[in-house]
């Protein structure tokens, strides 16, 4: 649960991802970074996954 989610490439890790609390990744890294924006729980953490992963994002409202 968070106010939003950010999916960034390694190139975007130093701008958008870092400003939301995500990691910095070397620009030649073959990864994607998934960062929750304003998470509602401290257990919700950024993820680093291989860039060939299939990422499915869905949302629900109360």
N, C-alpha and C. Protein backbone atom coordinates (compact mmCIF):
# COMPACT_ATOMS: atom_id res chain seq x y z
N UNK A 1 0.85 -1.18 0.00
CA UNK A 1 0.00 0.00 0.00
C UNK A 1 0.89 1.24 0.00
N UNK A 2 0.65 2.07 -0.96
CA UNK A 2 1.41 3.32 -1.10
C UNK A 2 0.57 4.28 -1.92
N UNK A 3 1.01 5.53 -1.96
CA UNK A 3 0.31 6.53 -2.75
C UNK A 3 0.58 6.38 -4.24
N UNK A 4 1.65 5.68 -4.58
CA UNK A 4 1.99 5.47 -5.98
C UNK A 4 3.14 4.49 -6.09
N UNK A 5 3.52 4.21 -7.32
CA UNK A 5 4.66 3.33 -7.56
C UNK A 5 5.46 3.89 -8.73
N UNK A 6 6.75 3.78 -8.62
CA UNK A 6 7.67 4.26 -9.64
C UNK A 6 8.44 3.07 -10.20
N UNK A 7 8.51 2.94 -11.50
CA UNK A 7 9.33 1.92 -12.14
C UNK A 7 10.38 2.66 -12.94
N UNK A 8 11.65 2.46 -12.60
CA UNK A 8 12.73 3.21 -13.24
C UNK A 8 13.79 2.27 -13.78
N UNK A 9 14.43 2.71 -14.84
CA UNK A 9 15.59 1.99 -15.36
C UNK A 9 16.81 2.37 -14.54
N UNK A 10 17.92 1.74 -14.82
CA UNK A 10 19.15 2.09 -14.10
C UNK A 10 19.52 3.55 -14.37
N UNK A 11 19.25 4.05 -15.57
CA UNK A 11 19.55 5.45 -15.89
C UNK A 11 18.69 6.39 -15.05
N UNK A 12 17.44 6.03 -14.78
CA UNK A 12 16.55 6.87 -14.00
C UNK A 12 16.72 6.72 -12.50
N UNK A 13 17.63 5.85 -12.08
CA UNK A 13 17.74 5.57 -10.65
C UNK A 13 18.26 6.76 -9.86
N UNK A 14 19.06 7.62 -10.45
CA UNK A 14 19.63 8.74 -9.70
C UNK A 14 18.71 9.94 -9.67
N UNK A 15 17.63 9.94 -10.40
CA UNK A 15 16.72 11.08 -10.38
C UNK A 15 15.43 10.71 -9.67
N UNK A 16 14.53 10.07 -10.36
CA UNK A 16 13.22 9.78 -9.81
C UNK A 16 13.27 8.78 -8.67
N UNK A 17 13.97 7.68 -8.89
CA UNK A 17 14.01 6.63 -7.88
C UNK A 17 14.64 7.09 -6.58
N UNK A 18 15.78 7.76 -6.67
CA UNK A 18 16.46 8.21 -5.45
C UNK A 18 15.62 9.23 -4.68
N UNK A 19 14.91 10.10 -5.38
CA UNK A 19 14.10 11.10 -4.69
C UNK A 19 12.93 10.46 -3.94
N UNK A 20 12.54 9.25 -4.34
CA UNK A 20 11.46 8.54 -3.65
C UNK A 20 12.00 7.55 -2.63
N UNK A 21 13.32 7.53 -2.42
CA UNK A 21 13.91 6.64 -1.42
C UNK A 21 14.47 5.35 -1.98
N UNK A 22 14.57 5.25 -3.30
CA UNK A 22 15.08 4.04 -3.93
C UNK A 22 16.60 4.04 -4.02
N UNK A 23 17.16 2.94 -4.48
CA UNK A 23 18.62 2.80 -4.55
C UNK A 23 19.19 3.52 -5.78
N UNK A 24 20.49 3.74 -5.74
CA UNK A 24 21.23 4.23 -6.90
C UNK A 24 21.85 3.00 -7.55
N UNK A 25 21.69 2.88 -8.86
CA UNK A 25 22.20 1.74 -9.60
C UNK A 25 23.14 2.26 -10.69
N UNK A 26 24.20 1.53 -10.95
CA UNK A 26 25.13 1.91 -12.00
C UNK A 26 24.39 1.97 -13.34
N UNK A 27 24.68 2.97 -14.17
CA UNK A 27 23.93 3.15 -15.42
C UNK A 27 23.98 1.96 -16.37
N UNK A 28 25.01 1.14 -16.30
CA UNK A 28 25.08 -0.02 -17.19
C UNK A 28 24.41 -1.26 -16.60
N UNK A 29 23.77 -1.10 -15.44
CA UNK A 29 23.06 -2.22 -14.82
C UNK A 29 21.86 -2.65 -15.64
N UNK A 30 21.68 -3.92 -15.79
CA UNK A 30 20.56 -4.48 -16.55
C UNK A 30 19.41 -4.80 -15.60
N UNK A 31 18.93 -3.77 -14.90
CA UNK A 31 17.88 -3.95 -13.89
C UNK A 31 16.82 -2.87 -14.02
N UNK A 32 15.68 -3.14 -13.41
CA UNK A 32 14.62 -2.15 -13.22
C UNK A 32 14.42 -1.97 -11.72
N UNK A 33 14.06 -0.78 -11.32
CA UNK A 33 13.85 -0.48 -9.91
C UNK A 33 12.37 -0.16 -9.72
N UNK A 34 11.76 -0.81 -8.75
CA UNK A 34 10.35 -0.58 -8.42
C UNK A 34 10.33 0.05 -7.04
N UNK A 35 9.84 1.30 -6.96
CA UNK A 35 9.89 2.05 -5.71
C UNK A 35 8.48 2.51 -5.33
N UNK A 36 8.02 2.17 -4.13
CA UNK A 36 6.73 2.72 -3.69
C UNK A 36 6.88 4.20 -3.34
N UNK A 37 5.89 4.99 -3.71
CA UNK A 37 5.89 6.41 -3.39
C UNK A 37 5.00 6.62 -2.17
N UNK A 38 5.56 7.19 -1.11
CA UNK A 38 4.85 7.42 0.14
C UNK A 38 4.15 6.15 0.64
N UNK A 39 4.93 5.09 0.94
CA UNK A 39 4.32 3.85 1.42
C UNK A 39 3.62 4.05 2.76
N UNK A 40 2.57 3.28 2.96
CA UNK A 40 1.79 3.39 4.20
C UNK A 40 2.28 2.45 5.28
N UNK A 41 3.34 1.70 5.00
CA UNK A 41 3.87 0.72 5.93
C UNK A 41 5.39 0.68 5.76
N UNK A 42 6.14 0.59 6.83
CA UNK A 42 7.60 0.57 6.74
C UNK A 42 8.14 -0.71 6.12
N UNK A 43 7.33 -1.75 6.01
CA UNK A 43 7.78 -3.01 5.42
C UNK A 43 7.73 -3.00 3.90
N UNK A 44 7.14 -1.99 3.31
CA UNK A 44 7.08 -1.89 1.85
C UNK A 44 8.36 -1.20 1.39
N UNK A 45 9.21 -1.94 0.68
CA UNK A 45 10.55 -1.47 0.32
C UNK A 45 10.75 -1.47 -1.19
N UNK A 46 11.72 -0.72 -1.67
CA UNK A 46 12.04 -0.76 -3.11
C UNK A 46 12.56 -2.14 -3.53
N UNK A 47 12.32 -2.49 -4.78
CA UNK A 47 12.78 -3.76 -5.34
C UNK A 47 13.68 -3.48 -6.53
N UNK A 48 14.68 -4.32 -6.73
CA UNK A 48 15.53 -4.29 -7.91
C UNK A 48 15.35 -5.63 -8.60
N UNK A 49 14.90 -5.60 -9.86
CA UNK A 49 14.62 -6.83 -10.60
C UNK A 49 15.35 -6.80 -11.94
N UNK A 50 15.62 -7.97 -12.54
CA UNK A 50 16.26 -8.00 -13.86
C UNK A 50 15.41 -7.26 -14.90
N UNK A 51 16.07 -6.64 -15.88
CA UNK A 51 15.32 -5.84 -16.86
C UNK A 51 14.51 -6.68 -17.84
N UNK A 52 14.67 -7.98 -17.84
CA UNK A 52 13.85 -8.82 -18.71
C UNK A 52 12.64 -9.39 -17.96
N UNK A 53 12.40 -8.91 -16.74
CA UNK A 53 11.25 -9.35 -15.95
C UNK A 53 9.96 -8.79 -16.52
N UNK A 54 8.90 -9.53 -16.34
CA UNK A 54 7.57 -9.04 -16.70
C UNK A 54 6.97 -8.46 -15.43
N UNK A 55 6.64 -7.17 -15.48
CA UNK A 55 6.11 -6.48 -14.30
C UNK A 55 4.65 -6.17 -14.55
N UNK A 56 3.81 -6.61 -13.65
CA UNK A 56 2.38 -6.34 -13.76
C UNK A 56 1.99 -5.46 -12.59
N UNK A 57 1.42 -4.31 -12.88
CA UNK A 57 1.03 -3.37 -11.83
C UNK A 57 -0.50 -3.27 -11.84
N UNK A 58 -1.09 -3.47 -10.69
CA UNK A 58 -2.54 -3.31 -10.56
C UNK A 58 -2.82 -2.51 -9.29
N UNK A 59 -4.00 -1.97 -9.21
CA UNK A 59 -4.33 -1.19 -8.02
C UNK A 59 -5.79 -1.41 -7.64
N UNK A 60 -6.06 -1.15 -6.39
CA UNK A 60 -7.41 -1.22 -5.87
C UNK A 60 -7.67 0.01 -5.03
N UNK A 61 -8.89 0.33 -4.84
CA UNK A 61 -9.26 1.44 -3.97
C UNK A 61 -10.19 0.93 -2.88
N UNK A 62 -10.26 1.67 -1.84
CA UNK A 62 -11.15 1.26 -0.75
C UNK A 62 -12.53 1.79 -0.96
